[in-house]
Amino acid sequence: MTAIPGAAALRARRTRTRSLASTGTDGARFWLAAGPALAVFAVFTIVPMASVVYYSFTDYSGFVGVPKFVGLDNYARIFSGDKHILGALGHTLVYSFFYVVVQIAIAFLLAVLLERAIRGAAFYRAAFFLPVVISSVAVAYTWSFMYDPNSGTINGVLRGLGLGSLAHDWLGDYNLALLSVIVVDLWRNIGYSIVIFIAGLGTIPAEVVEAARIDGAGPIAMLRRITIPLMTPTFGLVTVLAVNGALRAFDTVYLMTGGGPGNQTELYMTLAFDKAFSNRQFGLSSAMSILVVLVLIPVAILQSRLGRDDRPARRSRRVVAGVR
């Protein structure tokens, strides 16, 4: 093997030295640029999350005293059949049914209508999406005024139409309070689902629609055999987002009713908040929050996989074959 001349070996050594120096410089620049953001993320995200995990195994009150390690006692209490916790879970299930099933059904039907060439479609799209960008506080207080039993807009309209017998104390009635809050959250969030469905409708291949029309498929058959099968990933994404929102529901209920009347609108997350700041049971509240995170992790993974769906072409071919 021929030896490398001295000059060539020196040049190769210098090249390696410059390469290592460049790598070190790039690493220093990266940490200099990303370091502050990572530090802020660690202080305001990682440390609080780690604290919640730690406090979930203690009897921490949040104000005085040193936390005492209690193991899984807080988690055992959640599953012990506590009447208050079970009531909040029941209300959350009712809320989730409307937030997921009813919202998706209405949003899909509205998206199908708005996707068609109707007059003012752009205006209606903007109108449905507008509540999404309005502050939660503004939405809660506006609807609270509308629900007011004496001077509220809803009861005023009913009385003006001669339907005064239908006027209610919407947020004070034990049987109507939860449904009244659910209506507000549906009104506020349905626009987001509509936008996603409209985007999904835009991905349906035109040749598939044309083939179905040539074969004589009517509107119902088109919806059942073309639109819905090709919208499966979109339905999955909207469902995952809705489940995520239902499990984390808090602001509207807390601002409008605070869980009342008589805990009739108490949701799981509002109860966790009350356990921490009203009952000084930070340990139990932390355990309740950790359980929500554990449920949301697979939901987030499913959402990520649905967002990377790469099978629309194969699905389109199967649908065309099914129509023909």
C-alpha atoms as a PDB file:
ATOM      1  CA  MET A   1       0.000   0.000   0.000  1.00  0.00           C
ATOM      2  CA  THR A   2       1.450   3.347  -1.046  1.00  0.00           C
ATOM      3  CA  ALA A   3       2.086   5.766   1.832  1.00  0.00           C
ATOM      4  CA  ILE A   4       0.427   9.176   1.709  1.00  0.00           C
ATOM      5  CA  PRO A   5       2.972  11.917   1.091  1.00  0.00           C
ATOM      6  CA  GLY A   6       3.656  14.217   4.033  1.00  0.00           C
ATOM      7  CA  ALA A   7       1.961  17.263   2.434  1.00  0.00           C
ATOM      8  CA  ALA A   8      -1.169  15.295   1.540  1.00  0.00           C
ATOM      9  CA  ALA A   9      -1.379  13.828   5.062  1.00  0.00           C
ATOM     10  CA  LEU A  10      -1.059  17.315   6.546  1.00  0.00           C
ATOM     11  CA  ARG A  11      -3.847  18.636   4.312  1.00  0.00           C
ATOM     12  CA  ALA A  12      -6.096  15.706   5.252  1.00  0.00           C
ATOM     13  CA  ARG A  13      -5.411  16.326   8.959  1.00  0.00           C
ATOM     14  CA  ARG A  14      -6.232  20.027   8.584  1.00  0.00           C
ATOM     15  CA  THR A  15      -9.450  19.161   6.736  1.00  0.00           C
ATOM     16  CA  ARG A  16     -10.541  16.842   9.557  1.00  0.00           C
ATOM     17  CA  THR A  17      -9.668  19.497  12.140  1.00  0.00           C
ATOM     18  CA  ARG A  18     -11.714  22.152  10.321  1.00  0.00           C
ATOM     19  CA  SER A  19     -14.609  19.698   9.991  1.00  0.00           C
ATOM     20  CA  LEU A  20     -14.587  18.952  13.728  1.00  0.00           C
ATOM     21  CA  ALA A  21     -14.307  22.641  14.533  1.00  0.00           C
ATOM     22  CA  SER A  22     -17.236  23.400  12.213  1.00  0.00           C
ATOM     23  CA  THR A  23     -19.315  20.658  13.856  1.00  0.00           C
ATOM     24  CA  GLY A  24     -18.544  22.067  17.280  1.00  0.00           C
ATOM     25  CA  THR A  25     -19.423  25.589  16.121  1.00  0.00           C
ATOM     26  CA  ASP A  26     -22.743  24.412  14.640  1.00  0.00           C
ATOM     27  CA  GLY A  27     -23.589  22.622  17.901  1.00  0.00           C
ATOM     28  CA  ALA A  28     -22.794  25.740  19.918  1.00  0.00           C
ATOM     29  CA  ARG A  29     -24.936  27.872  17.623  1.00  0.00           C
ATOM     30  CA  PHE A  30     -27.831  25.421  17.926  1.00  0.00           C
ATOM     31  CA  TRP A  31     -27.772  25.441  21.718  1.00  0.00           C
ATOM     32  CA  LEU A  32     -27.337  29.211  21.753  1.00  0.00           C
ATOM     33  CA  ALA A  33     -30.420  29.620  19.570  1.00  0.00           C
ATOM     34  CA  ALA A  34     -32.598  26.869  21.063  1.00  0.00           C
ATOM     35  CA  GLY A  35     -31.390  27.054  24.645  1.00  0.00           C
ATOM     36  CA  PRO A  36     -33.664  29.906  25.827  1.00  0.00           C
ATOM     37  CA  ALA A  37     -36.763  28.313  24.278  1.00  0.00           C
ATOM     38  CA  LEU A  38     -35.895  24.908  25.761  1.00  0.00           C
ATOM     39  CA  ALA A  39     -35.316  26.511  29.160  1.00  0.00           C
ATOM     40  CA  VAL A  40     -38.712  28.232  29.044  1.00  0.00           C
ATOM     41  CA  PHE A  41     -40.342  24.957  27.920  1.00  0.00           C
ATOM     42  CA  ALA A  42     -38.696  23.081  30.785  1.00  0.00           C
ATOM     43  CA  VAL A  43     -39.663  25.666  33.420  1.00  0.00           C
ATOM     44  CA  PHE A  44     -43.277  26.141  32.329  1.00  0.00           C
ATOM     45  CA  THR A  45     -44.100  22.672  30.954  1.00  0.00           C
ATOM     46  CA  ILE A  46     -41.756  19.884  32.063  1.00  0.00           C
ATOM     47  CA  VAL A  47     -41.384  20.999  35.682  1.00  0.00           C
ATOM     48  CA  PRO A  48     -45.153  21.553  36.253  1.00  0.00           C
ATOM     49  CA  MET A  49     -45.964  18.184  34.651  1.00  0.00           C
ATOM     50  CA  ALA A  50     -43.389  16.426  36.808  1.00  0.00           C
ATOM     51  CA  SER A  51     -44.796  18.218  39.861  1.00  0.00           C
ATOM     52  CA  VAL A  52     -48.322  17.041  39.066  1.00  0.00           C
ATOM     53  CA  VAL A  53     -47.107  13.451  38.747  1.00  0.00           C
ATOM     54  CA  TYR A  54     -45.291  13.724  42.078  1.00  0.00           C
ATOM     55  CA  TYR A  55     -48.205  15.378  43.911  1.00  0.00           C
ATOM     56  CA  SER A  56     -50.593  12.694  42.652  1.00  0.00           C
ATOM     57  CA  PHE A  57     -48.834  10.278  45.018  1.00  0.00           C
ATOM     58  CA  THR A  58     -49.058  12.624  48.020  1.00  0.00           C
ATOM     59  CA  ASP A  59     -51.650  14.274  50.249  1.00  0.00           C
ATOM     60  CA  TYR A  60     -50.465  17.750  49.192  1.00  0.00           C
ATOM     61  CA  SER A  61     -52.924  20.493  50.153  1.00  0.00           C
ATOM     62  CA  GLY A  62     -51.323  23.159  47.986  1.00  0.00           C
ATOM     63  CA  PHE A  63     -50.902  25.745  50.688  1.00  0.00           C
ATOM     64  CA  VAL A  64     -49.389  24.598  53.954  1.00  0.00           C
ATOM     65  CA  GLY A  65     -47.506  21.623  55.270  1.00  0.00           C
ATOM     66  CA  VAL A  66     -45.080  19.191  53.705  1.00  0.00           C
ATOM     67  CA  PRO A  67     -46.576  16.688  51.224  1.00  0.00           C
ATOM     68  CA  LYS A  68     -46.794  13.182  52.628  1.00  0.00           C
ATOM     69  CA  PHE A  69     -46.335  10.234  50.295  1.00  0.00           C
ATOM     70  CA  VAL A  70     -49.536   8.159  50.164  1.00  0.00           C
ATOM     71  CA  GLY A  71     -48.799   5.890  47.214  1.00  0.00           C
ATOM     72  CA  LEU A  72     -51.809   5.005  45.098  1.00  0.00           C
ATOM     73  CA  ASP A  73     -54.391   6.186  47.622  1.00  0.00           C
ATOM     74  CA  ASN A  74     -55.530   9.090  45.448  1.00  0.00           C
ATOM     75  CA  TYR A  75     -56.003   6.825  42.436  1.00  0.00           C
ATOM     76  CA  ALA A  76     -57.811   4.245  44.569  1.00  0.00           C
ATOM     77  CA  ARG A  77     -60.182   6.958  45.779  1.00  0.00           C
ATOM     78  CA  ILE A  78     -61.081   7.874  42.193  1.00  0.00           C
ATOM     79  CA  PHE A  79     -62.101   4.282  41.495  1.00  0.00           C
ATOM     80  CA  SER A  80     -63.715   3.700  44.879  1.00  0.00           C
ATOM     81  CA  GLY A  81     -67.192   4.714  43.753  1.00  0.00           C
ATOM     82  CA  ASP A  82     -67.228   8.241  45.224  1.00  0.00           C
ATOM     83  CA  LYS A  83     -70.694   9.640  44.513  1.00  0.00           C
ATOM     84  CA  HIS A  84     -69.391  13.066  43.592  1.00  0.00           C
ATOM     85  CA  ILE A  85     -66.808  11.710  41.145  1.00  0.00           C
ATOM     86  CA  LEU A  86     -69.304   9.273  39.612  1.00  0.00           C
ATOM     87  CA  GLY A  87     -71.777  12.120  39.116  1.00  0.00           C
ATOM     88  CA  ALA A  88     -69.141  14.218  37.343  1.00  0.00           C
ATOM     89  CA  LEU A  89     -68.215  11.246  35.150  1.00  0.00           C
ATOM     90  CA  GLY A  90     -71.869  10.720  34.248  1.00  0.00           C
ATOM     91  CA  HIS A  91     -72.285  14.373  33.252  1.00  0.00           C
ATOM     92  CA  THR A  92     -69.064  14.151  31.237  1.00  0.00           C
ATOM     93  CA  LEU A  93     -70.406  11.125  29.347  1.00  0.00           C
ATOM     94  CA  VAL A  94     -73.624  12.982  28.503  1.00  0.00           C
ATOM     95  CA  TYR A  95     -71.597  16.005  27.467  1.00  0.00           C
ATOM     96  CA  SER A  96     -69.288  13.807  25.360  1.00  0.00           C
ATOM     97  CA  PHE A  97     -72.232  12.199  23.540  1.00  0.00           C
ATOM     98  CA  PHE A  98     -73.480  15.570  22.339  1.00  0.00           C
ATOM     99  CA  TYR A  99     -69.994  16.981  21.787  1.00  0.00           C
ATOM    100  CA  VAL A 100     -68.863  13.992  19.732  1.00  0.00           C
ATOM    101  CA  VAL A 101     -71.848  12.206  18.139  1.00  0.00           C
ATOM    102  CA  VAL A 102     -74.338  15.051  17.711  1.00  0.00           C
ATOM    103  CA  GLN A 103     -71.722  17.629  16.770  1.00  0.00           C
ATOM    104  CA  ILE A 104     -70.129  15.395  14.128  1.00  0.00           C
ATOM    105  CA  ALA A 105     -73.493  14.509  12.562  1.00  0.00           C
ATOM    106  CA  ILE A 106     -74.630  18.156  12.345  1.00  0.00           C
ATOM    107  CA  ALA A 107     -71.224  19.395  11.201  1.00  0.00           C
ATOM    108  CA  PHE A 108     -71.030  16.824   8.405  1.00  0.00           C
ATOM    109  CA  LEU A 109     -74.514  17.619   7.092  1.00  0.00           C
ATOM    110  CA  LEU A 110     -73.802  21.359   7.167  1.00  0.00           C
ATOM    111  CA  ALA A 111     -70.446  20.816   5.426  1.00  0.00           C
ATOM    112  CA  VAL A 112     -72.146  18.851   2.636  1.00  0.00           C
ATOM    113  CA  LEU A 113     -74.657  21.677   2.156  1.00  0.00           C
ATOM    114  CA  LEU A 114     -71.999  24.412   2.249  1.00  0.00           C
ATOM    115  CA  GLU A 115     -69.776  22.518  -0.192  1.00  0.00           C
ATOM    116  CA  ARG A 116     -72.435  22.836  -2.857  1.00  0.00           C
ATOM    117  CA  ALA A 117     -72.657  25.927  -5.035  1.00  0.00           C
ATOM    118  CA  ILE A 118     -75.303  27.732  -3.009  1.00  0.00           C
ATOM    119  CA  ARG A 119     -75.671  31.480  -2.800  1.00  0.00           C
ATOM    120  CA  GLY A 120     -73.752  32.976   0.112  1.00  0.00           C
ATOM    121  CA  ALA A 121     -71.823  29.784   0.900  1.00  0.00           C
ATOM    122  CA  ALA A 122     -68.666  31.755   1.781  1.00  0.00           C
ATOM    123  CA  PHE A 123     -70.625  33.949   4.188  1.00  0.00           C
ATOM    124  CA  TYR A 124     -72.165  30.941   5.931  1.00  0.00           C
ATOM    125  CA  ARG A 125     -68.773  29.273   6.279  1.00  0.00           C
ATOM    126  CA  ALA A 126     -67.354  32.374   7.935  1.00  0.00           C
ATOM    127  CA  ALA A 127     -70.431  32.713  10.147  1.00  0.00           C
ATOM    128  CA  PHE A 128     -70.169  29.132  11.409  1.00  0.00           C
ATOM    129  CA  PHE A 129     -66.438  29.469  12.059  1.00  0.00           C
ATOM    130  CA  LEU A 130     -66.625  32.874  13.762  1.00  0.00           C
ATOM    131  CA  PRO A 131     -67.533  31.528  17.248  1.00  0.00           C
ATOM    132  CA  VAL A 132     -64.359  29.411  17.234  1.00  0.00           C
ATOM    133  CA  VAL A 133     -62.156  32.516  17.399  1.00  0.00           C
ATOM    134  CA  ILE A 134     -64.245  34.363  19.995  1.00  0.00           C
ATOM    135  CA  SER A 135     -62.938  34.406  23.559  1.00  0.00           C
ATOM    136  CA  SER A 136     -64.381  31.769  25.880  1.00  0.00           C
ATOM    137  CA  VAL A 137     -65.145  34.456  28.448  1.00  0.00           C
ATOM    138  CA  ALA A 138     -67.049  36.542  25.909  1.00  0.00           C
ATOM    139  CA  VAL A 139     -69.051  33.519  24.753  1.00  0.00           C
ATOM    140  CA  ALA A 140     -69.891  32.436  28.297  1.00  0.00           C
ATOM    141  CA  TYR A 141     -71.069  35.839  29.482  1.00  0.00           C
ATOM    142  CA  THR A 142     -73.001  36.584  26.299  1.00  0.00           C
ATOM    143  CA  TRP A 143     -74.921  33.323  26.520  1.00  0.00           C
ATOM    144  CA  SER A 144     -75.416  33.774  30.261  1.00  0.00           C
ATOM    145  CA  PHE A 145     -77.170  37.053  29.507  1.00  0.00           C
ATOM    146  CA  MET A 146     -79.242  35.380  26.792  1.00  0.00           C
ATOM    147  CA  TYR A 147     -80.253  32.631  29.238  1.00  0.00           C
ATOM    148  CA  ASP A 148     -81.234  35.101  31.974  1.00  0.00           C
ATOM    149  CA  PRO A 149     -84.764  34.114  33.126  1.00  0.00           C
ATOM    150  CA  ASN A 150     -85.979  37.710  33.504  1.00  0.00           C
ATOM    151  CA  SER A 151     -84.242  39.889  30.933  1.00  0.00           C
ATOM    152  CA  GLY A 152     -82.629  37.262  28.712  1.00  0.00           C
ATOM    153  CA  THR A 153     -82.993  37.312  24.954  1.00  0.00           C
ATOM    154  CA  ILE A 154     -84.287  33.745  24.658  1.00  0.00           C
ATOM    155  CA  ASN A 155     -87.144  34.147  27.113  1.00  0.00           C
ATOM    156  CA  GLY A 156     -87.892  37.589  25.679  1.00  0.00           C
ATOM    157  CA  VAL A 157     -88.300  36.136  22.185  1.00  0.00           C
ATOM    158  CA  LEU A 158     -90.495  33.314  23.495  1.00  0.00           C
ATOM    159  CA  ARG A 159     -92.744  35.750  25.319  1.00  0.00           C
ATOM    160  CA  GLY A 160     -92.888  37.991  22.251  1.00  0.00           C
ATOM    161  CA  LEU A 161     -94.087  35.053  20.167  1.00  0.00           C
ATOM    162  CA  GLY A 162     -96.759  34.185  22.708  1.00  0.00           C
ATOM    163  CA  LEU A 163     -94.819  31.159  23.942  1.00  0.00           C
ATOM    164  CA  GLY A 164     -94.201  32.420  27.446  1.00  0.00           C
ATOM    165  CA  SER A 165     -95.036  28.995  28.849  1.00  0.00           C
ATOM    166  CA  LEU A 166     -91.762  27.737  27.340  1.00  0.00           C
ATOM    167  CA  ALA A 167     -89.669  30.335  29.160  1.00  0.00           C
ATOM    168  CA  HIS A 168     -87.345  28.796  31.763  1.00  0.00           C
ATOM    169  CA  ASP A 169     -84.521  29.546  34.098  1.00  0.00           C
ATOM    170  CA  TRP A 170     -82.244  27.762  31.661  1.00  0.00           C
ATOM    171  CA  LEU A 171     -79.142  27.684  33.842  1.00  0.00           C
ATOM    172  CA  GLY A 172     -81.039  27.254  37.116  1.00  0.00           C
ATOM    173  CA  ASP A 173     -83.269  24.348  36.131  1.00  0.00           C
ATOM    174  CA  TYR A 174     -81.843  21.012  37.320  1.00  0.00           C
ATOM    175  CA  ASN A 175     -83.115  19.269  34.184  1.00  0.00           C
ATOM    176  CA  LEU A 176     -82.032  21.872  31.630  1.00  0.00           C
ATOM    177  CA  ALA A 177     -78.803  23.361  32.965  1.00  0.00           C
ATOM    178  CA  LEU A 178     -76.434  20.757  31.505  1.00  0.00           C
ATOM    179  CA  LEU A 179     -78.205  20.738  28.143  1.00  0.00           C
ATOM    180  CA  SER A 180     -78.134  24.540  28.045  1.00  0.00           C
ATOM    181  CA  VAL A 181     -74.368  24.565  28.546  1.00  0.00           C
ATOM    182  CA  ILE A 182     -73.937  21.826  25.937  1.00  0.00           C
ATOM    183  CA  VAL A 183     -75.801  23.949  23.384  1.00  0.00           C
ATOM    184  CA  VAL A 184     -73.331  26.788  23.974  1.00  0.00           C
ATOM    185  CA  ASP A 185     -70.302  24.545  23.451  1.00  0.00           C
ATOM    186  CA  LEU A 186     -71.841  23.022  20.306  1.00  0.00           C
ATOM    187  CA  TRP A 187     -72.505  26.494  18.901  1.00  0.00           C
ATOM    188  CA  ARG A 188     -68.997  27.565  19.714  1.00  0.00           C
ATOM    189  CA  ASN A 189     -67.049  24.569  18.384  1.00  0.00           C
ATOM    190  CA  ILE A 190     -69.081  23.131  15.521  1.00  0.00           C
ATOM    191  CA  GLY A 191     -67.528  25.545  13.025  1.00  0.00           C
ATOM    192  CA  TYR A 192     -64.129  23.919  13.466  1.00  0.00           C
ATOM    193  CA  SER A 193     -65.533  20.507  12.559  1.00  0.00           C
ATOM    194  CA  ILE A 194     -67.357  22.001   9.572  1.00  0.00           C
ATOM    195  CA  VAL A 195     -64.116  23.460   8.210  1.00  0.00           C
ATOM    196  CA  ILE A 196     -62.358  20.089   8.521  1.00  0.00           C
ATOM    197  CA  PHE A 197     -65.224  18.289   6.790  1.00  0.00           C
ATOM    198  CA  ILE A 198     -65.258  20.838   3.961  1.00  0.00           C
ATOM    199  CA  ALA A 199     -61.522  20.288   3.494  1.00  0.00           C
ATOM    200  CA  GLY A 200     -62.119  16.538   3.414  1.00  0.00           C
ATOM    201  CA  LEU A 201     -64.894  16.890   0.837  1.00  0.00           C
ATOM    202  CA  GLY A 202     -62.463  18.796  -1.359  1.00  0.00           C
ATOM    203  CA  THR A 203     -60.130  15.790  -1.497  1.00  0.00           C
ATOM    204  CA  ILE A 204     -62.692  13.457  -3.095  1.00  0.00           C
ATOM    205  CA  PRO A 205     -61.446  12.775  -6.643  1.00  0.00           C
ATOM    206  CA  ALA A 206     -63.648  14.331  -9.319  1.00  0.00           C
ATOM    207  CA  GLU A 207     -63.388  11.203 -11.497  1.00  0.00           C
ATOM    208  CA  VAL A 208     -64.963   9.117  -8.722  1.00  0.00           C
ATOM    209  CA  VAL A 209     -67.920  11.490  -8.469  1.00  0.00           C
ATOM    210  CA  GLU A 210     -68.290  11.592 -12.234  1.00  0.00           C
ATOM    211  CA  ALA A 211     -68.204   7.801 -12.497  1.00  0.00           C
ATOM    212  CA  ALA A 212     -70.938   7.507  -9.892  1.00  0.00           C
ATOM    213  CA  ARG A 213     -73.116  10.040 -11.699  1.00  0.00           C
ATOM    214  CA  ILE A 214     -72.680   8.267 -15.026  1.00  0.00           C
ATOM    215  CA  ASP A 215     -73.776   5.044 -13.346  1.00  0.00           C
ATOM    216  CA  GLY A 216     -76.938   6.808 -12.209  1.00  0.00           C
ATOM    217  CA  ALA A 217     -76.184   7.255  -8.502  1.00  0.00           C
ATOM    218  CA  GLY A 218     -78.590   9.678  -6.823  1.00  0.00           C
ATOM    219  CA  PRO A 219     -77.773  12.127  -3.998  1.00  0.00           C
ATOM    220  CA  ILE A 220     -78.429   9.596  -1.236  1.00  0.00           C
ATOM    221  CA  ALA A 221     -76.441   6.868  -2.988  1.00  0.00           C
ATOM    222  CA  MET A 222     -73.621   9.347  -3.624  1.00  0.00           C
ATOM    223  CA  LEU A 223     -73.555  10.260   0.039  1.00  0.00           C
ATOM    224  CA  ARG A 224     -73.710   6.662   1.254  1.00  0.00           C
ATOM    225  CA  ARG A 225     -71.439   4.957  -1.278  1.00  0.00           C
ATOM    226  CA  ILE A 226     -69.033   7.733  -2.290  1.00  0.00           C
ATOM    227  CA  THR A 227     -68.788  10.603   0.151  1.00  0.00           C
ATOM    228  CA  ILE A 228     -68.865   8.781   3.483  1.00  0.00           C
ATOM    229  CA  PRO A 229     -66.442   5.944   2.514  1.00  0.00           C
ATOM    230  CA  LEU A 230     -63.913   8.407   1.114  1.00  0.00           C
ATOM    231  CA  MET A 231     -64.294  10.645   4.165  1.00  0.00           C
ATOM    232  CA  THR A 232     -63.347   7.909   6.635  1.00  0.00           C
ATOM    233  CA  PRO A 233     -59.983   9.504   7.609  1.00  0.00           C
ATOM    234  CA  THR A 234     -61.688  12.879   8.034  1.00  0.00           C
ATOM    235  CA  PHE A 235     -64.386  11.352  10.231  1.00  0.00           C
ATOM    236  CA  GLY A 236     -61.669   9.725  12.286  1.00  0.00           C
ATOM    237  CA  LEU A 237     -59.758  12.987  12.705  1.00  0.00           C
ATOM    238  CA  VAL A 238     -62.858  14.963  13.687  1.00  0.00           C
ATOM    239  CA  THR A 239     -63.869  12.229  16.148  1.00  0.00           C
ATOM    240  CA  VAL A 240     -60.453  12.225  17.798  1.00  0.00           C
ATOM    241  CA  LEU A 241     -60.475  16.016  18.112  1.00  0.00           C
ATOM    242  CA  ALA A 242     -63.998  15.951  19.534  1.00  0.00           C
ATOM    243  CA  VAL A 243     -63.104  13.290  22.102  1.00  0.00           C
ATOM    244  CA  ASN A 244     -60.077  15.346  23.061  1.00  0.00           C
ATOM    245  CA  GLY A 245     -62.220  18.443  23.541  1.00  0.00           C
ATOM    246  CA  ALA A 246     -64.931  16.579  25.463  1.00  0.00           C
ATOM    247  CA  LEU A 247     -62.473  15.114  27.968  1.00  0.00           C
ATOM    248  CA  ARG A 248     -60.854  18.505  28.568  1.00  0.00           C
ATOM    249  CA  ALA A 249     -64.110  20.487  28.725  1.00  0.00           C
ATOM    250  CA  PHE A 250     -63.895  23.076  31.468  1.00  0.00           C
ATOM    251  CA  ASP A 251     -64.103  26.766  30.630  1.00  0.00           C
ATOM    252  CA  THR A 252     -67.709  27.118  29.413  1.00  0.00           C
ATOM    253  CA  VAL A 253     -69.190  25.153  32.314  1.00  0.00           C
ATOM    254  CA  TYR A 254     -67.045  26.830  34.930  1.00  0.00           C
ATOM    255  CA  LEU A 255     -67.761  30.347  33.640  1.00  0.00           C
ATOM    256  CA  MET A 256     -71.505  29.865  33.164  1.00  0.00           C
ATOM    257  CA  THR A 257     -72.577  27.678  36.094  1.00  0.00           C
ATOM    258  CA  GLY A 258     -69.550  26.798  38.184  1.00  0.00           C
ATOM    259  CA  GLY A 259     -70.895  23.238  38.194  1.00  0.00           C
ATOM    260  CA  GLY A 260     -74.322  24.182  39.555  1.00  0.00           C
ATOM    261  CA  PRO A 261     -77.114  24.111  40.221  1.00  0.00           C
ATOM    262  CA  GLY A 262     -76.542  21.402  42.786  1.00  0.00           C
ATOM    263  CA  ASN A 263     -73.598  19.907  40.842  1.00  0.00           C
ATOM    264  CA  GLN A 264     -75.913  19.192  37.908  1.00  0.00           C
ATOM    265  CA  THR A 265     -73.371  20.564  35.416  1.00  0.00           C
ATOM    266  CA  GLU A 266     -70.246  19.366  37.212  1.00  0.00           C
ATOM    267  CA  LEU A 267     -67.832  17.813  34.713  1.00  0.00           C
ATOM    268  CA  TYR A 268     -64.749  15.745  35.445  1.00  0.00           C
ATOM    269  CA  MET A 269     -62.317  18.615  34.871  1.00  0.00           C
ATOM    270  CA  THR A 270     -64.355  21.193  36.788  1.00  0.00           C
ATOM    271  CA  LEU A 271     -64.480  18.745  39.690  1.00  0.00           C
ATOM    272  CA  ALA A 272     -60.701  18.304  39.523  1.00  0.00           C
ATOM    273  CA  PHE A 273     -60.343  22.088  39.652  1.00  0.00           C
ATOM    274  CA  ASP A 274     -62.672  22.353  42.646  1.00  0.00           C
ATOM    275  CA  LYS A 275     -60.856  19.558  44.474  1.00  0.00           C
ATOM    276  CA  ALA A 276     -57.623  21.519  44.148  1.00  0.00           C
ATOM    277  CA  PHE A 277     -58.648  25.112  44.780  1.00  0.00           C
ATOM    278  CA  SER A 278     -61.837  24.796  46.829  1.00  0.00           C
ATOM    279  CA  ASN A 279     -61.200  21.641  48.868  1.00  0.00           C
ATOM    280  CA  ARG A 280     -57.397  21.943  48.994  1.00  0.00           C
ATOM    281  CA  GLN A 281     -56.922  18.394  47.758  1.00  0.00           C
ATOM    282  CA  PHE A 282     -54.150  18.963  45.270  1.00  0.00           C
ATOM    283  CA  GLY A 283     -53.012  15.359  45.489  1.00  0.00           C
ATOM    284  CA  LEU A 284     -56.405  13.990  44.466  1.00  0.00           C
ATOM    285  CA  SER A 285     -56.818  16.663  41.794  1.00  0.00           C
ATOM    286  CA  SER A 286     -53.391  15.809  40.377  1.00  0.00           C
ATOM    287  CA  ALA A 287     -54.317  12.120  40.197  1.00  0.00           C
ATOM    288  CA  MET A 288     -57.543  12.986  38.369  1.00  0.00           C
ATOM    289  CA  SER A 289     -55.585  15.093  35.865  1.00  0.00           C
ATOM    290  CA  ILE A 290     -53.013  12.365  35.295  1.00  0.00           C
ATOM    291  CA  LEU A 291     -55.782   9.911  34.381  1.00  0.00           C
ATOM    292  CA  VAL A 292     -57.055  12.334  31.738  1.00  0.00           C
ATOM    293  CA  VAL A 293     -53.548  12.622  30.297  1.00  0.00           C
ATOM    294  CA  LEU A 294     -53.245   8.833  30.156  1.00  0.00           C
ATOM    295  CA  VAL A 295     -56.497   8.666  28.190  1.00  0.00           C
ATOM    296  CA  LEU A 296     -55.477  11.497  25.858  1.00  0.00           C
ATOM    297  CA  ILE A 297     -52.094   9.972  24.954  1.00  0.00           C
ATOM    298  CA  PRO A 298     -53.551   7.171  22.762  1.00  0.00           C
ATOM    299  CA  VAL A 299     -56.053   9.704  21.404  1.00  0.00           C
ATOM    300  CA  ALA A 300     -53.166  11.956  20.342  1.00  0.00           C
ATOM    301  CA  ILE A 301     -51.312   9.005  18.771  1.00  0.00           C
ATOM    302  CA  LEU A 302     -54.430   8.054  16.818  1.00  0.00           C
ATOM    303  CA  GLN A 303     -54.846  11.659  15.685  1.00  0.00           C
ATOM    304  CA  SER A 304     -51.251  11.714  14.431  1.00  0.00           C
ATOM    305  CA  ARG A 305     -51.714   8.492  12.465  1.00  0.00           C
ATOM    306  CA  LEU A 306     -54.950   9.692  10.886  1.00  0.00           C
ATOM    307  CA  GLY A 307     -53.228  12.901   9.861  1.00  0.00           C
ATOM    308  CA  ARG A 308     -50.637  10.865   7.933  1.00  0.00           C
ATOM    309  CA  ASP A 309     -53.141   8.683   6.096  1.00  0.00           C
ATOM    310  CA  ASP A 310     -51.643   7.805   2.685  1.00  0.00           C
ATOM    311  CA  ARG A 311     -54.307   5.491   1.265  1.00  0.00           C
ATOM    312  CA  PRO A 312     -56.790   7.775  -0.541  1.00  0.00           C
ATOM    313  CA  ALA A 313     -55.929   6.427  -3.993  1.00  0.00           C
ATOM    314  CA  ARG A 314     -56.538   2.792  -3.041  1.00  0.00           C
ATOM    315  CA  ARG A 315     -59.712   3.747  -1.218  1.00  0.00           C
ATOM    316  CA  SER A 316     -60.931   5.650  -4.296  1.00  0.00           C
ATOM    317  CA  ARG A 317     -60.373   2.621  -6.524  1.00  0.00           C
ATOM    318  CA  ARG A 318     -62.303   0.385  -4.150  1.00  0.00           C
ATOM    319  CA  VAL A 319     -65.197   2.844  -4.024  1.00  0.00           C
ATOM    320  CA  VAL A 320     -65.328   3.143  -7.810  1.00  0.00           C
ATOM    321  CA  ALA A 321     -65.317  -0.629  -8.090  1.00  0.00           C
ATOM    322  CA  GLY A 322     -68.132  -0.842  -5.558  1.00  0.00           C
ATOM    323  CA  VAL A 323     -70.258   1.716  -7.397  1.00  0.00           C
ATOM    324  CA  ARG A 324     -69.856  -0.088 -10.683  1.00  0.00           C
END
